[in-house]
Amino acid sequence: MVNEFEIKKQICEIGKRIYDKGMVASNDGNISVKLNDNEFLCTPTGVSKGFMTPEYICKVDRDGKLIQANAGFKPSSEIKMHMRVYKERPDVNSVVHAHPMYATGFAIAGIPLTQPIMPEAVIALGCVPIAEYGTPSTEEIPDAISKYLQSFDAVLLENHGALTFSDTLLNAYHKMESVEFYAKLLYISKQLGGPKELSDAQVKRLYSMRSQYGLKGKHPADLCPNNKEGKPSCHGCNGNCGNHADADMVAEITRRVIEQLGK
């Protein structure tokens, strides 16, 4: 088993990666890792994620209360958001929050990432909904993301950024990379006249590949009622609207699909 110091080093490495890739600016973003059911390591508040060393990392309990921290450091102000993920998703061992440029742009515009435009994004993410705006460091954000936790491993935060979570720190980080890459490609394709989306049949085949690959986590393919019944999937609303709806319609249909998935 990896010791705590090595995990702290890994957190610092991932912090440097998200900083170097421009996914955070200044002291933005936060990272956490689950040690056991009552101990979690997390990045401190008010510190650039690109310049951390292991002694910066704090330890908190399941309620986000401080267990241990070196002088001058205290847990991230967003720890409530992380703790909600761990509480509602026992399979999750790491959470990454960042402000990747393109994904955050979509979050600010109120446009969820739902269009099936590339196989890797369909397989890895399915689609990425937007959680309603909440004031940072309050219970508003945990409450907003709660409804999406059982269906997705990545969520955009309205006017805020993105949140990804997985069974390992590296996988949680990779999901953040995937969200940003997906958002960037979608943005570029929109500038080139609009993306050519994958067909329902193509999406369905990609969904089936998740089980073949033994991928972990939550994904719309596991819960989509249409997909289970052999009907066109609801990914990207293709099976429902059959055309390129505007952003408001996409958001509304996505909301309805998510509500149905939660029943």
C-alpha atoms as a PDB file:
ATOM      1  CA  MET A   1       0.000   0.000   0.000  1.00  0.00           C
ATOM      2  CA  VAL A   2       1.258   3.476  -0.940  1.00  0.00           C
ATOM      3  CA  ASN A   3       2.192   5.527   2.122  1.00  0.00           C
ATOM      4  CA  GLU A   4       0.779   8.971   2.843  1.00  0.00           C
ATOM      5  CA  PHE A   5       3.934  10.831   1.884  1.00  0.00           C
ATOM      6  CA  GLU A   6       3.905   9.260  -1.590  1.00  0.00           C
ATOM      7  CA  ILE A   7       0.237  10.182  -2.023  1.00  0.00           C
ATOM      8  CA  LYS A   8       1.056  13.756  -1.012  1.00  0.00           C
ATOM      9  CA  LYS A   9       3.774  13.808  -3.674  1.00  0.00           C
ATOM     10  CA  GLN A  10       1.272  12.532  -6.238  1.00  0.00           C
ATOM     11  CA  ILE A  11      -1.195  15.275  -5.299  1.00  0.00           C
ATOM     12  CA  CYS A  12       1.544  17.861  -5.809  1.00  0.00           C
ATOM     13  CA  GLU A  13       2.407  16.355  -9.193  1.00  0.00           C
ATOM     14  CA  ILE A  14      -1.193  16.478 -10.371  1.00  0.00           C
ATOM     15  CA  GLY A  15      -1.479  20.020  -9.009  1.00  0.00           C
ATOM     16  CA  LYS A  16       1.516  21.012 -11.116  1.00  0.00           C
ATOM     17  CA  ARG A  17       0.002  19.346 -14.170  1.00  0.00           C
ATOM     18  CA  ILE A  18      -3.317  21.193 -13.951  1.00  0.00           C
ATOM     19  CA  TYR A  19      -1.422  24.455 -13.345  1.00  0.00           C
ATOM     20  CA  ASP A  20       1.030  23.942 -16.215  1.00  0.00           C
ATOM     21  CA  LYS A  21      -1.825  23.061 -18.579  1.00  0.00           C
ATOM     22  CA  GLY A  22      -3.642  26.287 -17.736  1.00  0.00           C
ATOM     23  CA  MET A  23      -6.544  24.486 -16.073  1.00  0.00           C
ATOM     24  CA  VAL A  24      -6.185  26.769 -13.046  1.00  0.00           C
ATOM     25  CA  ALA A  25      -4.844  30.257 -12.439  1.00  0.00           C
ATOM     26  CA  SER A  26      -3.242  31.671  -9.314  1.00  0.00           C
ATOM     27  CA  ASN A  27      -4.601  29.758  -6.292  1.00  0.00           C
ATOM     28  CA  ASP A  28      -7.592  28.198  -8.061  1.00  0.00           C
ATOM     29  CA  GLY A  29      -8.595  24.536  -7.961  1.00  0.00           C
ATOM     30  CA  ASN A  30      -8.348  21.777  -5.395  1.00  0.00           C
ATOM     31  CA  ILE A  31      -7.549  18.066  -5.174  1.00  0.00           C
ATOM     32  CA  SER A  32      -8.328  15.373  -2.635  1.00  0.00           C
ATOM     33  CA  VAL A  33      -7.607  11.679  -2.092  1.00  0.00           C
ATOM     34  CA  LYS A  34      -9.409   9.201   0.153  1.00  0.00           C
ATOM     35  CA  LEU A  35      -7.146   7.266   2.532  1.00  0.00           C
ATOM     36  CA  ASN A  36      -9.904   5.359   4.316  1.00  0.00           C
ATOM     37  CA  ASP A  37     -13.508   5.926   5.364  1.00  0.00           C
ATOM     38  CA  ASN A  38     -12.562   8.688   7.802  1.00  0.00           C
ATOM     39  CA  GLU A  39      -9.294  10.167   6.518  1.00  0.00           C
ATOM     40  CA  PHE A  40      -8.731  12.259   3.418  1.00  0.00           C
ATOM     41  CA  LEU A  41      -5.788  14.255   2.093  1.00  0.00           C
ATOM     42  CA  CYS A  42      -6.513  17.572   0.376  1.00  0.00           C
ATOM     43  CA  THR A  43      -4.813  20.620  -1.030  1.00  0.00           C
ATOM     44  CA  PRO A  44      -4.762  23.746   1.161  1.00  0.00           C
ATOM     45  CA  THR A  45      -6.642  26.956   0.541  1.00  0.00           C
ATOM     46  CA  GLY A  46      -4.896  30.044  -0.824  1.00  0.00           C
ATOM     47  CA  VAL A  47      -2.003  28.185  -2.464  1.00  0.00           C
ATOM     48  CA  SER A  48      -1.046  27.843  -6.129  1.00  0.00           C
ATOM     49  CA  LYS A  49      -1.445  24.233  -7.197  1.00  0.00           C
ATOM     50  CA  GLY A  50       1.634  24.587  -9.393  1.00  0.00           C
ATOM     51  CA  PHE A  51       4.053  25.208  -6.542  1.00  0.00           C
ATOM     52  CA  MET A  52       3.034  22.792  -3.811  1.00  0.00           C
ATOM     53  CA  THR A  53       5.296  20.430  -1.900  1.00  0.00           C
ATOM     54  CA  PRO A  54       4.158  17.523   0.328  1.00  0.00           C
ATOM     55  CA  GLU A  55       4.207  19.563   3.529  1.00  0.00           C
ATOM     56  CA  TYR A  56       1.430  21.754   2.100  1.00  0.00           C
ATOM     57  CA  ILE A  57      -1.092  18.899   2.066  1.00  0.00           C
ATOM     58  CA  CYS A  58      -3.738  18.730   4.806  1.00  0.00           C
ATOM     59  CA  LYS A  59      -5.644  15.816   6.313  1.00  0.00           C
ATOM     60  CA  VAL A  60      -9.355  16.012   7.131  1.00  0.00           C
ATOM     61  CA  ASP A  61     -12.066  13.661   8.382  1.00  0.00           C
ATOM     62  CA  ARG A  62     -15.279  12.617   6.603  1.00  0.00           C
ATOM     63  CA  ASP A  63     -16.955  15.853   7.697  1.00  0.00           C
ATOM     64  CA  GLY A  64     -14.150  17.962   6.274  1.00  0.00           C
ATOM     65  CA  LYS A  65     -12.820  18.861   9.715  1.00  0.00           C
ATOM     66  CA  LEU A  66      -9.084  19.261  10.118  1.00  0.00           C
ATOM     67  CA  ILE A  67      -7.096  16.313  11.441  1.00  0.00           C
ATOM     68  CA  GLN A  68      -3.604  17.485  10.612  1.00  0.00           C
ATOM     69  CA  ALA A  69      -1.920  20.380   8.813  1.00  0.00           C
ATOM     70  CA  ASN A  70       1.412  22.135   9.080  1.00  0.00           C
ATOM     71  CA  ALA A  71       1.529  25.700  10.362  1.00  0.00           C
ATOM     72  CA  GLY A  72       0.202  28.223   7.866  1.00  0.00           C
ATOM     73  CA  PHE A  73      -1.975  25.738   5.961  1.00  0.00           C
ATOM     74  CA  LYS A  74      -5.645  24.888   6.224  1.00  0.00           C
ATOM     75  CA  PRO A  75      -7.907  22.702   4.056  1.00  0.00           C
ATOM     76  CA  SER A  76      -9.384  23.920   0.800  1.00  0.00           C
ATOM     77  CA  SER A  77     -12.468  26.081   1.243  1.00  0.00           C
ATOM     78  CA  GLU A  78     -14.181  23.779  -1.283  1.00  0.00           C
ATOM     79  CA  ILE A  79     -13.735  20.648   0.849  1.00  0.00           C
ATOM     80  CA  LYS A  80     -17.522  20.382   1.341  1.00  0.00           C
ATOM     81  CA  MET A  81     -17.897  19.658  -2.365  1.00  0.00           C
ATOM     82  CA  HIS A  82     -15.328  16.855  -2.200  1.00  0.00           C
ATOM     83  CA  MET A  83     -16.873  15.310   0.898  1.00  0.00           C
ATOM     84  CA  ARG A  84     -20.293  15.153  -0.755  1.00  0.00           C
ATOM     85  CA  VAL A  85     -18.804  13.159  -3.624  1.00  0.00           C
ATOM     86  CA  TYR A  86     -17.151  10.683  -1.251  1.00  0.00           C
ATOM     87  CA  LYS A  87     -20.314  10.350   0.806  1.00  0.00           C
ATOM     88  CA  GLU A  88     -22.559   9.557  -2.140  1.00  0.00           C
ATOM     89  CA  ARG A  89     -20.053   7.645  -4.255  1.00  0.00           C
ATOM     90  CA  PRO A  90     -18.238   5.007  -2.135  1.00  0.00           C
ATOM     91  CA  ASP A  91     -16.372   3.844  -5.251  1.00  0.00           C
ATOM     92  CA  VAL A  92     -14.620   7.212  -5.588  1.00  0.00           C
ATOM     93  CA  ASN A  93     -11.126   7.611  -4.128  1.00  0.00           C
ATOM     94  CA  SER A  94     -10.122  10.957  -5.596  1.00  0.00           C
ATOM     95  CA  VAL A  95     -11.698  14.262  -6.642  1.00  0.00           C
ATOM     96  CA  VAL A  96     -10.223  16.988  -8.859  1.00  0.00           C
ATOM     97  CA  HIS A  97     -11.675  20.473  -9.267  1.00  0.00           C
ATOM     98  CA  ALA A  98     -10.264  22.893 -11.835  1.00  0.00           C
ATOM     99  CA  HIS A  99     -11.197  25.715 -14.193  1.00  0.00           C
ATOM    100  CA  PRO A 100     -10.133  24.400 -17.629  1.00  0.00           C
ATOM    101  CA  MET A 101     -10.585  27.177 -20.175  1.00  0.00           C
ATOM    102  CA  TYR A 102     -12.896  25.608 -22.747  1.00  0.00           C
ATOM    103  CA  ALA A 103     -14.948  23.459 -20.380  1.00  0.00           C
ATOM    104  CA  THR A 104     -15.452  26.427 -18.065  1.00  0.00           C
ATOM    105  CA  GLY A 105     -16.446  28.516 -21.079  1.00  0.00           C
ATOM    106  CA  PHE A 106     -19.252  26.053 -21.794  1.00  0.00           C
ATOM    107  CA  ALA A 107     -20.216  26.103 -18.105  1.00  0.00           C
ATOM    108  CA  ILE A 108     -20.410  29.893 -18.170  1.00  0.00           C
ATOM    109  CA  ALA A 109     -22.463  29.829 -21.373  1.00  0.00           C
ATOM    110  CA  GLY A 110     -24.816  27.277 -19.829  1.00  0.00           C
ATOM    111  CA  ILE A 111     -24.122  24.653 -22.499  1.00  0.00           C
ATOM    112  CA  PRO A 112     -23.656  21.054 -21.301  1.00  0.00           C
ATOM    113  CA  LEU A 113     -21.270  18.789 -23.202  1.00  0.00           C
ATOM    114  CA  THR A 114     -23.807  16.434 -24.724  1.00  0.00           C
ATOM    115  CA  GLN A 115     -22.999  16.165 -28.422  1.00  0.00           C
ATOM    116  CA  PRO A 116     -21.432  12.816 -29.448  1.00  0.00           C
ATOM    117  CA  ILE A 117     -18.528  13.984 -31.579  1.00  0.00           C
ATOM    118  CA  MET A 118     -15.649  11.610 -30.851  1.00  0.00           C
ATOM    119  CA  PRO A 119     -15.477   7.957 -29.753  1.00  0.00           C
ATOM    120  CA  GLU A 120     -13.134   8.529 -26.823  1.00  0.00           C
ATOM    121  CA  ALA A 121     -15.421  11.100 -25.222  1.00  0.00           C
ATOM    122  CA  VAL A 122     -18.510   8.933 -25.708  1.00  0.00           C
ATOM    123  CA  ILE A 123     -16.792   5.917 -24.131  1.00  0.00           C
ATOM    124  CA  ALA A 124     -15.019   7.727 -21.304  1.00  0.00           C
ATOM    125  CA  LEU A 125     -17.558  10.387 -20.344  1.00  0.00           C
ATOM    126  CA  GLY A 126     -20.831   9.809 -22.138  1.00  0.00           C
ATOM    127  CA  CYS A 127     -21.897  13.397 -21.648  1.00  0.00           C
ATOM    128  CA  VAL A 128     -21.155  16.093 -19.092  1.00  0.00           C
ATOM    129  CA  PRO A 129     -24.092  17.931 -17.462  1.00  0.00           C
ATOM    130  CA  ILE A 130     -24.033  21.325 -15.747  1.00  0.00           C
ATOM    131  CA  ALA A 131     -24.786  21.591 -12.032  1.00  0.00           C
ATOM    132  CA  GLU A 132     -26.680  24.723 -11.074  1.00  0.00           C
ATOM    133  CA  TYR A 133     -24.668  27.648  -9.717  1.00  0.00           C
ATOM    134  CA  GLY A 134     -23.731  27.622  -6.064  1.00  0.00           C
ATOM    135  CA  THR A 135     -21.674  30.002  -3.949  1.00  0.00           C
ATOM    136  CA  PRO A 136     -18.159  28.578  -3.441  1.00  0.00           C
ATOM    137  CA  SER A 137     -17.341  27.146   0.012  1.00  0.00           C
ATOM    138  CA  THR A 138     -21.043  26.806   0.925  1.00  0.00           C
ATOM    139  CA  GLU A 139     -23.379  23.796   0.846  1.00  0.00           C
ATOM    140  CA  GLU A 140     -24.933  25.182  -2.337  1.00  0.00           C
ATOM    141  CA  ILE A 141     -22.404  23.493  -4.619  1.00  0.00           C
ATOM    142  CA  PRO A 142     -22.554  20.083  -2.877  1.00  0.00           C
ATOM    143  CA  ASP A 143     -26.342  20.240  -3.100  1.00  0.00           C
ATOM    144  CA  ALA A 144     -26.168  21.182  -6.789  1.00  0.00           C
ATOM    145  CA  ILE A 145     -23.834  18.346  -7.796  1.00  0.00           C
ATOM    146  CA  SER A 146     -25.603  15.707  -5.698  1.00  0.00           C
ATOM    147  CA  LYS A 147     -28.275  14.935  -8.300  1.00  0.00           C
ATOM    148  CA  TYR A 148     -25.614  14.059 -10.903  1.00  0.00           C
ATOM    149  CA  LEU A 149     -23.280  11.910  -8.832  1.00  0.00           C
ATOM    150  CA  GLN A 150     -25.018   8.588  -9.460  1.00  0.00           C
ATOM    151  CA  SER A 151     -24.966   8.988 -13.243  1.00  0.00           C
ATOM    152  CA  PHE A 152     -21.725  10.757 -14.139  1.00  0.00           C
ATOM    153  CA  ASP A 153     -18.016  10.941 -13.300  1.00  0.00           C
ATOM    154  CA  ALA A 154     -17.665  14.526 -14.524  1.00  0.00           C
ATOM    155  CA  VAL A 155     -19.812  17.602 -13.976  1.00  0.00           C
ATOM    156  CA  LEU A 156     -19.541  21.191 -15.138  1.00  0.00           C
ATOM    157  CA  LEU A 157     -20.221  23.800 -12.461  1.00  0.00           C
ATOM    158  CA  GLU A 158     -22.293  26.699 -13.731  1.00  0.00           C
ATOM    159  CA  ASN A 159     -20.206  29.898 -13.925  1.00  0.00           C
ATOM    160  CA  HIS A 160     -17.438  28.146 -12.034  1.00  0.00           C
ATOM    161  CA  GLY A 161     -15.473  25.259 -13.552  1.00  0.00           C
ATOM    162  CA  ALA A 162     -15.442  21.471 -13.680  1.00  0.00           C
ATOM    163  CA  LEU A 163     -15.381  18.581 -11.217  1.00  0.00           C
ATOM    164  CA  THR A 164     -14.154  15.053 -11.959  1.00  0.00           C
ATOM    165  CA  PHE A 165     -13.844  12.005  -9.718  1.00  0.00           C
ATOM    166  CA  SER A 166     -12.723   8.409 -10.010  1.00  0.00           C
ATOM    167  CA  ASP A 167     -11.224   5.366  -8.310  1.00  0.00           C
ATOM    168  CA  THR A 168      -7.680   6.780  -8.416  1.00  0.00           C
ATOM    169  CA  LEU A 169      -6.099  10.216  -8.447  1.00  0.00           C
ATOM    170  CA  LEU A 170      -4.613   9.633 -11.892  1.00  0.00           C
ATOM    171  CA  ASN A 171      -7.962   8.549 -13.318  1.00  0.00           C
ATOM    172  CA  ALA A 172      -9.727  11.556 -11.805  1.00  0.00           C
ATOM    173  CA  TYR A 173      -7.117  13.809 -13.405  1.00  0.00           C
ATOM    174  CA  HIS A 174      -7.416  11.999 -16.757  1.00  0.00           C
ATOM    175  CA  LYS A 175     -11.164  12.635 -16.708  1.00  0.00           C
ATOM    176  CA  MET A 176     -10.477  16.342 -16.245  1.00  0.00           C
ATOM    177  CA  GLU A 177      -8.156  16.250 -19.260  1.00  0.00           C
ATOM    178  CA  SER A 178     -10.813  14.409 -21.252  1.00  0.00           C
ATOM    179  CA  VAL A 179     -13.502  16.948 -20.347  1.00  0.00           C
ATOM    180  CA  GLU A 180     -11.307  19.826 -21.478  1.00  0.00           C
ATOM    181  CA  PHE A 181     -10.248  18.096 -24.704  1.00  0.00           C
ATOM    182  CA  TYR A 182     -13.893  17.289 -25.490  1.00  0.00           C
ATOM    183  CA  ALA A 183     -14.920  20.898 -24.835  1.00  0.00           C
ATOM    184  CA  LYS A 184     -12.083  22.289 -26.950  1.00  0.00           C
ATOM    185  CA  LEU A 185     -12.908  20.052 -29.915  1.00  0.00           C
ATOM    186  CA  LEU A 186     -16.594  20.887 -29.645  1.00  0.00           C
ATOM    187  CA  TYR A 187     -15.797  24.605 -29.566  1.00  0.00           C
ATOM    188  CA  ILE A 188     -13.496  24.361 -32.597  1.00  0.00           C
ATOM    189  CA  SER A 189     -15.971  22.287 -34.591  1.00  0.00           C
ATOM    190  CA  LYS A 190     -18.694  24.845 -33.895  1.00  0.00           C
ATOM    191  CA  GLN A 191     -16.449  27.541 -35.406  1.00  0.00           C
ATOM    192  CA  LEU A 192     -16.050  25.386 -38.508  1.00  0.00           C
ATOM    193  CA  GLY A 193     -19.760  25.193 -39.198  1.00  0.00           C
ATOM    194  CA  GLY A 194     -20.931  22.742 -36.565  1.00  0.00           C
ATOM    195  CA  PRO A 195     -19.853  19.221 -35.635  1.00  0.00           C
ATOM    196  CA  LYS A 196     -20.896  16.113 -37.551  1.00  0.00           C
ATOM    197  CA  GLU A 197     -22.270  13.998 -34.736  1.00  0.00           C
ATOM    198  CA  LEU A 198     -21.940  10.254 -34.433  1.00  0.00           C
ATOM    199  CA  SER A 199     -25.108   8.342 -35.331  1.00  0.00           C
ATOM    200  CA  ASP A 200     -27.333   6.605 -32.797  1.00  0.00           C
ATOM    201  CA  ALA A 201     -26.026   3.239 -33.970  1.00  0.00           C
ATOM    202  CA  GLN A 202     -22.434   4.382 -33.573  1.00  0.00           C
ATOM    203  CA  VAL A 203     -23.100   5.739 -30.084  1.00  0.00           C
ATOM    204  CA  LYS A 204     -24.855   2.541 -29.058  1.00  0.00           C
ATOM    205  CA  ARG A 205     -21.900   0.460 -30.225  1.00  0.00           C
ATOM    206  CA  LEU A 206     -19.488   2.697 -28.313  1.00  0.00           C
ATOM    207  CA  TYR A 207     -21.651   2.390 -25.191  1.00  0.00           C
ATOM    208  CA  SER A 208     -21.421  -1.398 -25.402  1.00  0.00           C
ATOM    209  CA  MET A 209     -17.631  -1.195 -25.528  1.00  0.00           C
ATOM    210  CA  ARG A 210     -17.468   0.149 -21.985  1.00  0.00           C
ATOM    211  CA  SER A 211     -18.359  -3.250 -20.559  1.00  0.00           C
ATOM    212  CA  GLN A 212     -15.908  -4.934 -22.920  1.00  0.00           C
ATOM    213  CA  TYR A 213     -13.135  -2.705 -21.604  1.00  0.00           C
ATOM    214  CA  GLY A 214     -14.194  -3.235 -17.999  1.00  0.00           C
ATOM    215  CA  LEU A 215     -14.336   0.515 -17.367  1.00  0.00           C
ATOM    216  CA  LYS A 216     -15.276   1.567 -13.854  1.00  0.00           C
ATOM    217  CA  GLY A 217     -17.333   4.488 -12.584  1.00  0.00           C
ATOM    218  CA  LYS A 218     -20.698   5.892 -13.622  1.00  0.00           C
ATOM    219  CA  HIS A 219     -21.754   6.506 -17.200  1.00  0.00           C
ATOM    220  CA  PRO A 220     -25.052   7.285 -18.968  1.00  0.00           C
ATOM    221  CA  ALA A 221     -24.687   3.995 -20.876  1.00  0.00           C
ATOM    222  CA  ASP A 222     -25.223   2.112 -17.610  1.00  0.00           C
ATOM    223  CA  LEU A 223     -28.489   3.872 -16.813  1.00  0.00           C
ATOM    224  CA  CYS A 224     -29.997   5.166 -20.059  1.00  0.00           C
ATOM    225  CA  PRO A 225     -33.465   3.548 -20.293  1.00  0.00           C
ATOM    226  CA  ASN A 226     -33.503   3.853 -24.086  1.00  0.00           C
ATOM    227  CA  ASN A 227     -30.146   2.128 -24.436  1.00  0.00           C
ATOM    228  CA  LYS A 228     -31.257  -0.740 -22.184  1.00  0.00           C
ATOM    229  CA  GLU A 229     -34.339  -1.296 -24.336  1.00  0.00           C
ATOM    230  CA  GLY A 230     -32.366  -1.292 -27.569  1.00  0.00           C
ATOM    231  CA  LYS A 231     -33.709   2.084 -28.641  1.00  0.00           C
ATOM    232  CA  PRO A 232     -31.638   5.067 -29.819  1.00  0.00           C
ATOM    233  CA  SER A 233     -29.624   6.368 -26.893  1.00  0.00           C
ATOM    234  CA  CYS A 234     -30.428   9.672 -25.246  1.00  0.00           C
ATOM    235  CA  HIS A 235     -26.804  10.751 -25.508  1.00  0.00           C
ATOM    236  CA  GLY A 236     -26.795  14.196 -27.040  1.00  0.00           C
ATOM    237  CA  CYS A 237     -30.591  14.071 -27.339  1.00  0.00           C
ATOM    238  CA  ASN A 238     -30.197  12.473 -30.770  1.00  0.00           C
ATOM    239  CA  GLY A 239     -32.929   9.937 -30.171  1.00  0.00           C
ATOM    240  CA  ASN A 240     -35.358  12.603 -29.003  1.00  0.00           C
ATOM    241  CA  CYS A 241     -34.956  15.736 -31.043  1.00  0.00           C
ATOM    242  CA  GLY A 242     -33.242  14.407 -34.170  1.00  0.00           C
ATOM    243  CA  ASN A 243     -31.661  17.740 -34.975  1.00  0.00           C
ATOM    244  CA  HIS A 244     -29.233  20.307 -33.674  1.00  0.00           C
ATOM    245  CA  ALA A 245     -31.199  22.058 -30.958  1.00  0.00           C
ATOM    246  CA  ASP A 246     -30.087  25.383 -29.601  1.00  0.00           C
ATOM    247  CA  ALA A 247     -28.272  25.585 -26.277  1.00  0.00           C
ATOM    248  CA  ASP A 248     -31.397  26.219 -24.207  1.00  0.00           C
ATOM    249  CA  MET A 249     -33.209  23.240 -25.700  1.00  0.00           C
ATOM    250  CA  VAL A 250     -30.179  20.994 -25.225  1.00  0.00           C
ATOM    251  CA  ALA A 251     -29.946  22.048 -21.584  1.00  0.00           C
ATOM    252  CA  GLU A 252     -33.663  21.446 -21.005  1.00  0.00           C
ATOM    253  CA  ILE A 253     -33.678  18.017 -22.648  1.00  0.00           C
ATOM    254  CA  THR A 254     -30.533  17.055 -20.763  1.00  0.00           C
ATOM    255  CA  ARG A 255     -32.224  18.056 -17.514  1.00  0.00           C
ATOM    256  CA  ARG A 256     -35.237  15.880 -18.302  1.00  0.00           C
ATOM    257  CA  VAL A 257     -33.065  12.910 -19.234  1.00  0.00           C
ATOM    258  CA  ILE A 258     -31.097  13.234 -16.006  1.00  0.00           C
ATOM    259  CA  GLU A 259     -34.334  13.404 -14.004  1.00  0.00           C
ATOM    260  CA  GLN A 260     -35.508  10.178 -15.638  1.00  0.00           C
ATOM    261  CA  LEU A 261     -32.176   8.486 -14.977  1.00  0.00           C
ATOM    262  CA  GLY A 262     -32.528   9.347 -11.306  1.00  0.00           C
ATOM    263  CA  LYS A 263     -35.942   7.677 -10.946  1.00  0.00           C
END
